[in-house]
Amino acid sequence: MRVAVLQSNYIPWKGYFDIIHDVDKFVFYDDVQYTKNDWRNRNRIKTANGVQWLTVPTGSNIDRRICDVLLADPNWARKHWRTLRQAYSRAPHFHRYEALLSDIYIDRRWETLSDLNQHLIITVARELGLKTQFADARELAVTGVKFDRLMNLLIKLEADVYVSGPSASNYIERERFEEAGIELRYKSYDGYPEYPQRFPPFEHNVSILDLLFNTGPDAPRFIWGWRDFSG
């Protein structure tokens, strides 16, 4: 069982979905401390005027978990959808995903940031053809704090392999994985090929929506498929 455990992000970049591709089960770790103006509630898109942030308003209170962040003002969704349409309506594959995203941004009302993020991530993952199972850490009733809780979660899931983002190497205790008999793998984000992106110069660090709108069903080739041909 290959497992990844990450906090949910707002329309995350392609590397996030690369990790989802690498595992059998992906756990949303949203019952942890919320960090404001991080990837939790914002991301970047390409526009004719350069890179632009899309930020979901979450209020000033940071003393709460990600899953407890309420979205009190619904007006952000219509604004984000208008910005996305302005930036990408002429992209080759925008209309392929227009109805799907309009349902998310216009037809629905999201009460919490976690609900929004998780729904968007799962929706995009399925569009990319991913069969990965998704779970929410809250449903697993795991005890412990900080790194102990993560290890208890992996043991409960009977993980054989844990796939982590590269930045986690700053705090991960490798010996704990060896003791538990779990292989630790760090994901590399190196080598992603450029794709036909509007408004040069090319920028890798933007939302997955940029890749979908520009490449459509060919998107997986630019996330993980290219490795099959890179030698």
C-alpha atoms as a PDB file:
ATOM      1  CA  MET A   1       0.000   0.000   0.000  1.00  0.00           C
ATOM      2  CA  ARG A   2       1.551   3.285  -1.157  1.00  0.00           C
ATOM      3  CA  VAL A   3       0.247   6.257   0.811  1.00  0.00           C
ATOM      4  CA  ALA A   4       0.610  10.038   0.693  1.00  0.00           C
ATOM      5  CA  VAL A   5      -0.669  12.425   3.366  1.00  0.00           C
ATOM      6  CA  LEU A   6      -1.024  16.105   2.507  1.00  0.00           C
ATOM      7  CA  GLN A   7      -3.023  19.139   3.490  1.00  0.00           C
ATOM      8  CA  SER A   8      -5.588  20.127   0.885  1.00  0.00           C
ATOM      9  CA  ASN A   9      -4.629  23.058  -1.348  1.00  0.00           C
ATOM     10  CA  TYR A  10      -6.723  25.345  -3.501  1.00  0.00           C
ATOM     11  CA  ILE A  11      -6.552  24.287  -7.194  1.00  0.00           C
ATOM     12  CA  PRO A  12      -2.979  23.026  -6.605  1.00  0.00           C
ATOM     13  CA  TRP A  13      -0.184  22.800  -9.138  1.00  0.00           C
ATOM     14  CA  LYS A  14       0.681  19.711 -11.203  1.00  0.00           C
ATOM     15  CA  GLY A  15       3.224  18.392  -8.674  1.00  0.00           C
ATOM     16  CA  TYR A  16       0.417  17.791  -6.173  1.00  0.00           C
ATOM     17  CA  PHE A  17      -1.314  15.512  -8.670  1.00  0.00           C
ATOM     18  CA  ASP A  18       1.985  13.826  -9.499  1.00  0.00           C
ATOM     19  CA  ILE A  19       2.095  12.644  -5.883  1.00  0.00           C
ATOM     20  CA  ILE A  20      -1.529  11.453  -6.088  1.00  0.00           C
ATOM     21  CA  HIS A  21      -0.565   9.472  -9.192  1.00  0.00           C
ATOM     22  CA  ASP A  22       2.215   7.709  -7.271  1.00  0.00           C
ATOM     23  CA  VAL A  23       0.053   6.260  -4.486  1.00  0.00           C
ATOM     24  CA  ASP A  24      -2.794   3.845  -3.867  1.00  0.00           C
ATOM     25  CA  LYS A  25      -4.334   5.983  -1.131  1.00  0.00           C
ATOM     26  CA  PHE A  26      -4.142   9.741  -0.675  1.00  0.00           C
ATOM     27  CA  VAL A  27      -5.128  11.161   2.727  1.00  0.00           C
ATOM     28  CA  PHE A  28      -6.246  14.749   3.171  1.00  0.00           C
ATOM     29  CA  TYR A  29      -4.577  15.975   6.363  1.00  0.00           C
ATOM     30  CA  ASP A  30      -6.886  18.882   7.100  1.00  0.00           C
ATOM     31  CA  ASP A  31      -7.367  18.482  10.844  1.00  0.00           C
ATOM     32  CA  VAL A  32      -4.104  20.342  11.488  1.00  0.00           C
ATOM     33  CA  GLN A  33      -3.205  24.006  12.003  1.00  0.00           C
ATOM     34  CA  TYR A  34      -4.336  26.362   9.267  1.00  0.00           C
ATOM     35  CA  THR A  35      -1.710  28.674   7.779  1.00  0.00           C
ATOM     36  CA  LYS A  36      -3.136  31.821   6.229  1.00  0.00           C
ATOM     37  CA  ASN A  37      -2.125  32.984   2.749  1.00  0.00           C
ATOM     38  CA  ASP A  38      -0.437  29.697   2.046  1.00  0.00           C
ATOM     39  CA  TRP A  39      -1.386  27.220  -0.694  1.00  0.00           C
ATOM     40  CA  ARG A  40      -4.381  26.226   1.434  1.00  0.00           C
ATOM     41  CA  ASN A  41      -6.498  29.131   0.202  1.00  0.00           C
ATOM     42  CA  ARG A  42      -4.754  30.519  -2.859  1.00  0.00           C
ATOM     43  CA  ASN A  43      -2.939  29.682  -6.066  1.00  0.00           C
ATOM     44  CA  ARG A  44      -1.619  31.303  -9.218  1.00  0.00           C
ATOM     45  CA  ILE A  45      -2.805  31.457 -12.814  1.00  0.00           C
ATOM     46  CA  LYS A  46      -1.360  32.904 -16.043  1.00  0.00           C
ATOM     47  CA  THR A  47      -3.018  35.992 -17.522  1.00  0.00           C
ATOM     48  CA  ALA A  48      -2.239  38.464 -20.283  1.00  0.00           C
ATOM     49  CA  ASN A  49      -0.817  40.704 -17.544  1.00  0.00           C
ATOM     50  CA  GLY A  50       1.402  38.022 -16.031  1.00  0.00           C
ATOM     51  CA  VAL A  51       0.986  35.654 -13.098  1.00  0.00           C
ATOM     52  CA  GLN A  52      -2.004  36.466 -10.897  1.00  0.00           C
ATOM     53  CA  TRP A  53      -3.071  35.147  -7.499  1.00  0.00           C
ATOM     54  CA  LEU A  54      -6.550  33.759  -6.866  1.00  0.00           C
ATOM     55  CA  THR A  55      -7.207  33.922  -3.127  1.00  0.00           C
ATOM     56  CA  VAL A  56     -10.198  32.509  -1.270  1.00  0.00           C
ATOM     57  CA  PRO A  57     -11.043  34.898   1.608  1.00  0.00           C
ATOM     58  CA  THR A  58     -10.890  33.117   4.946  1.00  0.00           C
ATOM     59  CA  GLY A  59     -10.874  35.875   7.562  1.00  0.00           C
ATOM     60  CA  SER A  60      -8.126  36.897   9.935  1.00  0.00           C
ATOM     61  CA  ASN A  61      -8.381  34.146  12.554  1.00  0.00           C
ATOM     62  CA  ILE A  62      -5.463  31.705  12.260  1.00  0.00           C
ATOM     63  CA  ASP A  63      -6.167  29.853  15.505  1.00  0.00           C
ATOM     64  CA  ARG A  64      -8.079  27.008  13.850  1.00  0.00           C
ATOM     65  CA  ARG A  65      -7.619  23.852  11.862  1.00  0.00           C
ATOM     66  CA  ILE A  66      -7.886  23.791   8.083  1.00  0.00           C
ATOM     67  CA  CYS A  67     -11.109  21.796   8.309  1.00  0.00           C
ATOM     68  CA  ASP A  68     -12.613  24.483  10.570  1.00  0.00           C
ATOM     69  CA  VAL A  69     -12.073  27.359   8.137  1.00  0.00           C
ATOM     70  CA  LEU A  70     -15.501  28.636   7.115  1.00  0.00           C
ATOM     71  CA  LEU A  71     -16.214  30.456   3.852  1.00  0.00           C
ATOM     72  CA  ALA A  72     -18.661  33.075   5.038  1.00  0.00           C
ATOM     73  CA  ASP A  73     -18.634  35.311   1.943  1.00  0.00           C
ATOM     74  CA  PRO A  74     -19.764  33.448  -1.209  1.00  0.00           C
ATOM     75  CA  ASN A  75     -18.891  36.318  -3.572  1.00  0.00           C
ATOM     76  CA  TRP A  76     -15.304  35.103  -4.044  1.00  0.00           C
ATOM     77  CA  ALA A  77     -16.461  32.155  -6.177  1.00  0.00           C
ATOM     78  CA  ARG A  78     -18.143  34.258  -8.842  1.00  0.00           C
ATOM     79  CA  LYS A  79     -15.121  36.574  -8.946  1.00  0.00           C
ATOM     80  CA  HIS A  80     -12.702  33.655  -9.369  1.00  0.00           C
ATOM     81  CA  TRP A  81     -14.794  32.147 -12.135  1.00  0.00           C
ATOM     82  CA  ARG A  82     -14.938  35.486 -13.953  1.00  0.00           C
ATOM     83  CA  THR A  83     -11.146  35.810 -13.690  1.00  0.00           C
ATOM     84  CA  LEU A  84     -10.619  32.266 -14.950  1.00  0.00           C
ATOM     85  CA  ARG A  85     -12.908  32.877 -17.907  1.00  0.00           C
ATOM     86  CA  GLN A  86     -11.115  36.110 -18.777  1.00  0.00           C
ATOM     87  CA  ALA A  87      -7.712  34.435 -18.625  1.00  0.00           C
ATOM     88  CA  TYR A  88      -8.522  31.133 -20.321  1.00  0.00           C
ATOM     89  CA  SER A  89     -11.698  31.364 -22.420  1.00  0.00           C
ATOM     90  CA  ARG A  90      -9.533  31.327 -25.563  1.00  0.00           C
ATOM     91  CA  ALA A  91      -7.331  28.475 -24.381  1.00  0.00           C
ATOM     92  CA  PRO A  92      -7.671  25.377 -26.601  1.00  0.00           C
ATOM     93  CA  HIS A  93      -9.471  23.211 -24.037  1.00  0.00           C
ATOM     94  CA  PHE A  94     -11.277  25.680 -21.798  1.00  0.00           C
ATOM     95  CA  HIS A  95     -14.719  24.674 -23.012  1.00  0.00           C
ATOM     96  CA  ARG A  96     -14.017  21.011 -22.293  1.00  0.00           C
ATOM     97  CA  TYR A  97     -14.042  21.819 -18.560  1.00  0.00           C
ATOM     98  CA  GLU A  98     -16.305  24.875 -18.523  1.00  0.00           C
ATOM     99  CA  ALA A  99     -19.516  23.162 -17.388  1.00  0.00           C
ATOM    100  CA  LEU A 100     -17.691  21.115 -14.753  1.00  0.00           C
ATOM    101  CA  LEU A 101     -16.054  24.156 -13.184  1.00  0.00           C
ATOM    102  CA  SER A 102     -19.095  26.388 -13.555  1.00  0.00           C
ATOM    103  CA  ASP A 103     -20.970  23.886 -11.399  1.00  0.00           C
ATOM    104  CA  ILE A 104     -18.288  24.182  -8.722  1.00  0.00           C
ATOM    105  CA  TYR A 105     -17.920  27.962  -8.795  1.00  0.00           C
ATOM    106  CA  ILE A 106     -21.440  29.132  -9.624  1.00  0.00           C
ATOM    107  CA  ASP A 107     -24.002  26.424  -8.890  1.00  0.00           C
ATOM    108  CA  ARG A 108     -22.704  25.308  -5.493  1.00  0.00           C
ATOM    109  CA  ARG A 109     -22.190  27.008  -2.157  1.00  0.00           C
ATOM    110  CA  TRP A 110     -19.166  25.895  -0.145  1.00  0.00           C
ATOM    111  CA  GLU A 111     -19.304  26.139   3.635  1.00  0.00           C
ATOM    112  CA  THR A 112     -15.715  25.155   4.433  1.00  0.00           C
ATOM    113  CA  LEU A 113     -12.330  25.486   2.753  1.00  0.00           C
ATOM    114  CA  SER A 114     -11.683  21.760   3.153  1.00  0.00           C
ATOM    115  CA  ASP A 115     -14.893  20.810   1.364  1.00  0.00           C
ATOM    116  CA  LEU A 116     -14.037  23.118  -1.520  1.00  0.00           C
ATOM    117  CA  ASN A 117     -10.410  22.046  -1.849  1.00  0.00           C
ATOM    118  CA  GLN A 118     -11.059  18.333  -1.544  1.00  0.00           C
ATOM    119  CA  HIS A 119     -13.875  18.395  -4.080  1.00  0.00           C
ATOM    120  CA  LEU A 120     -11.762  20.313  -6.593  1.00  0.00           C
ATOM    121  CA  ILE A 121      -8.774  18.011  -6.129  1.00  0.00           C
ATOM    122  CA  ILE A 122     -10.791  14.821  -6.492  1.00  0.00           C
ATOM    123  CA  THR A 123     -12.644  16.213  -9.511  1.00  0.00           C
ATOM    124  CA  VAL A 124      -9.406  17.122 -11.278  1.00  0.00           C
ATOM    125  CA  ALA A 125      -7.785  13.803 -10.333  1.00  0.00           C
ATOM    126  CA  ARG A 126     -10.622  11.916 -12.011  1.00  0.00           C
ATOM    127  CA  GLU A 127     -10.337  14.135 -15.082  1.00  0.00           C
ATOM    128  CA  LEU A 128      -6.670  13.145 -15.222  1.00  0.00           C
ATOM    129  CA  GLY A 129      -7.696   9.493 -15.167  1.00  0.00           C
ATOM    130  CA  LEU A 130      -6.390   8.765 -11.675  1.00  0.00           C
ATOM    131  CA  LYS A 131      -7.927   5.829  -9.771  1.00  0.00           C
ATOM    132  CA  THR A 132      -6.280   6.666  -6.435  1.00  0.00           C
ATOM    133  CA  GLN A 133      -8.448   6.198  -3.343  1.00  0.00           C
ATOM    134  CA  PHE A 134      -9.037   9.309  -1.244  1.00  0.00           C
ATOM    135  CA  ALA A 135      -9.562   9.530   2.507  1.00  0.00           C
ATOM    136  CA  ASP A 136      -9.879  12.240   5.145  1.00  0.00           C
ATOM    137  CA  ALA A 137      -7.691  11.968   8.248  1.00  0.00           C
ATOM    138  CA  ARG A 138     -10.696  12.932  10.378  1.00  0.00           C
ATOM    139  CA  GLU A 139     -12.404   9.684   9.403  1.00  0.00           C
ATOM    140  CA  LEU A 140      -9.472   7.543  10.540  1.00  0.00           C
ATOM    141  CA  ALA A 141      -9.666   8.488  14.249  1.00  0.00           C
ATOM    142  CA  VAL A 142      -5.894   8.423  14.736  1.00  0.00           C
ATOM    143  CA  THR A 143      -4.389   9.649  17.999  1.00  0.00           C
ATOM    144  CA  GLY A 144      -1.085  11.384  18.726  1.00  0.00           C
ATOM    145  CA  VAL A 145       0.412  14.750  17.883  1.00  0.00           C
ATOM    146  CA  LYS A 146       2.643  16.010  15.088  1.00  0.00           C
ATOM    147  CA  PHE A 147       4.980  13.339  13.695  1.00  0.00           C
ATOM    148  CA  ASP A 148       3.667  10.630  16.032  1.00  0.00           C
ATOM    149  CA  ARG A 149       0.195  11.095  14.623  1.00  0.00           C
ATOM    150  CA  LEU A 150       1.426  10.786  11.059  1.00  0.00           C
ATOM    151  CA  MET A 151       3.204   7.543  11.862  1.00  0.00           C
ATOM    152  CA  ASN A 152       0.133   6.179  13.645  1.00  0.00           C
ATOM    153  CA  LEU A 153      -1.950   7.027  10.589  1.00  0.00           C
ATOM    154  CA  LEU A 154       0.414   5.190   8.239  1.00  0.00           C
ATOM    155  CA  ILE A 155       0.516   2.158  10.522  1.00  0.00           C
ATOM    156  CA  LYS A 156      -3.275   2.095  10.702  1.00  0.00           C
ATOM    157  CA  LEU A 157      -3.464   2.151   6.911  1.00  0.00           C
ATOM    158  CA  GLU A 158      -0.869  -0.658   6.756  1.00  0.00           C
ATOM    159  CA  ALA A 159       1.284   1.462   4.468  1.00  0.00           C
ATOM    160  CA  ASP A 160       4.298  -0.184   2.845  1.00  0.00           C
ATOM    161  CA  VAL A 161       5.504   2.995   1.164  1.00  0.00           C
ATOM    162  CA  TYR A 162       5.107   6.633   2.179  1.00  0.00           C
ATOM    163  CA  VAL A 163       5.486   9.208  -0.602  1.00  0.00           C
ATOM    164  CA  SER A 164       6.412  12.665   0.664  1.00  0.00           C
ATOM    165  CA  GLY A 165       7.014  16.038  -0.894  1.00  0.00           C
ATOM    166  CA  PRO A 166      10.694  17.079  -0.891  1.00  0.00           C
ATOM    167  CA  SER A 167      10.290  19.920   1.630  1.00  0.00           C
ATOM    168  CA  ALA A 168       9.258  17.466   4.362  1.00  0.00           C
ATOM    169  CA  SER A 169      12.835  16.216   4.566  1.00  0.00           C
ATOM    170  CA  ASN A 170      13.446  19.122   6.977  1.00  0.00           C
ATOM    171  CA  TYR A 171      11.438  17.473   9.748  1.00  0.00           C
ATOM    172  CA  ILE A 172      10.856  13.818   8.841  1.00  0.00           C
ATOM    173  CA  GLU A 173      12.575  11.322  11.115  1.00  0.00           C
ATOM    174  CA  ARG A 174      13.775   8.680   8.657  1.00  0.00           C
ATOM    175  CA  GLU A 175      14.638   6.176  11.381  1.00  0.00           C
ATOM    176  CA  ARG A 176      10.997   6.055  12.460  1.00  0.00           C
ATOM    177  CA  PHE A 177      10.046   4.737   9.029  1.00  0.00           C
ATOM    178  CA  GLU A 178      12.787   2.127   9.184  1.00  0.00           C
ATOM    179  CA  GLU A 179      11.538   0.984  12.581  1.00  0.00           C
ATOM    180  CA  ALA A 180       7.968   0.700  11.265  1.00  0.00           C
ATOM    181  CA  GLY A 181       9.040  -1.158   8.127  1.00  0.00           C
ATOM    182  CA  ILE A 182       7.721   1.597   5.838  1.00  0.00           C
ATOM    183  CA  GLU A 183       9.737   2.689   2.822  1.00  0.00           C
ATOM    184  CA  LEU A 184      10.162   6.466   2.618  1.00  0.00           C
ATOM    185  CA  ARG A 185      10.199   8.001  -0.846  1.00  0.00           C
ATOM    186  CA  TYR A 186      10.704  11.689  -1.568  1.00  0.00           C
ATOM    187  CA  LYS A 187       8.948  13.002  -4.636  1.00  0.00           C
ATOM    188  CA  SER A 188      11.074  14.927  -7.109  1.00  0.00           C
ATOM    189  CA  TYR A 189       9.540  17.783  -9.053  1.00  0.00           C
ATOM    190  CA  ASP A 190      12.517  18.070 -11.375  1.00  0.00           C
ATOM    191  CA  GLY A 191      12.315  17.713 -15.131  1.00  0.00           C
ATOM    192  CA  TYR A 192       8.731  18.637 -15.899  1.00  0.00           C
ATOM    193  CA  PRO A 193       8.533  19.500 -19.598  1.00  0.00           C
ATOM    194  CA  GLU A 194       7.058  22.770 -20.768  1.00  0.00           C
ATOM    195  CA  TYR A 195       3.693  22.653 -22.490  1.00  0.00           C
ATOM    196  CA  PRO A 196       1.960  25.057 -24.893  1.00  0.00           C
ATOM    197  CA  GLN A 197       1.130  27.811 -22.397  1.00  0.00           C
ATOM    198  CA  ARG A 198      -0.463  31.116 -23.287  1.00  0.00           C
ATOM    199  CA  PHE A 199       1.148  34.407 -22.276  1.00  0.00           C
ATOM    200  CA  PRO A 200       4.908  33.642 -22.210  1.00  0.00           C
ATOM    201  CA  PRO A 201       7.379  33.359 -20.583  1.00  0.00           C
ATOM    202  CA  PHE A 202       6.595  29.845 -19.416  1.00  0.00           C
ATOM    203  CA  GLU A 203       5.792  29.329 -15.737  1.00  0.00           C
ATOM    204  CA  HIS A 204       5.660  25.887 -14.063  1.00  0.00           C
ATOM    205  CA  ASN A 205       4.388  27.033 -10.675  1.00  0.00           C
ATOM    206  CA  VAL A 206       0.760  27.727 -11.499  1.00  0.00           C
ATOM    207  CA  SER A 207      -2.544  25.961 -10.849  1.00  0.00           C
ATOM    208  CA  ILE A 208      -3.334  22.634 -12.514  1.00  0.00           C
ATOM    209  CA  LEU A 209      -6.158  24.468 -14.298  1.00  0.00           C
ATOM    210  CA  ASP A 210      -3.579  26.165 -16.513  1.00  0.00           C
ATOM    211  CA  LEU A 211      -2.359  22.782 -17.722  1.00  0.00           C
ATOM    212  CA  LEU A 212      -5.888  21.442 -18.248  1.00  0.00           C
ATOM    213  CA  PHE A 213      -7.086  24.467 -20.195  1.00  0.00           C
ATOM    214  CA  ASN A 214      -4.010  24.443 -22.424  1.00  0.00           C
ATOM    215  CA  THR A 215      -3.519  20.716 -23.047  1.00  0.00           C
ATOM    216  CA  GLY A 216      -6.831  19.012 -22.207  1.00  0.00           C
ATOM    217  CA  PRO A 217      -6.702  15.194 -22.208  1.00  0.00           C
ATOM    218  CA  ASP A 218      -2.975  15.324 -22.963  1.00  0.00           C
ATOM    219  CA  ALA A 219      -2.300  16.822 -19.501  1.00  0.00           C
ATOM    220  CA  PRO A 220      -1.077  13.563 -17.861  1.00  0.00           C
ATOM    221  CA  ARG A 221       1.801  13.412 -20.341  1.00  0.00           C
ATOM    222  CA  PHE A 222       3.173  16.666 -18.915  1.00  0.00           C
ATOM    223  CA  ILE A 223       2.840  15.514 -15.283  1.00  0.00           C
ATOM    224  CA  TRP A 224       4.030  11.895 -15.257  1.00  0.00           C
ATOM    225  CA  GLY A 225       3.745  10.458 -18.771  1.00  0.00           C
ATOM    226  CA  TRP A 226       6.896  12.182 -19.996  1.00  0.00           C
ATOM    227  CA  ARG A 227       9.017   9.998 -17.713  1.00  0.00           C
ATOM    228  CA  ASP A 228       8.268   6.953 -19.861  1.00  0.00           C
ATOM    229  CA  PHE A 229      10.111   8.599 -22.732  1.00  0.00           C
ATOM    230  CA  SER A 230      12.862  10.448 -20.881  1.00  0.00           C
ATOM    231  CA  GLY A 231      15.175   7.483 -20.593  1.00  0.00           C
END
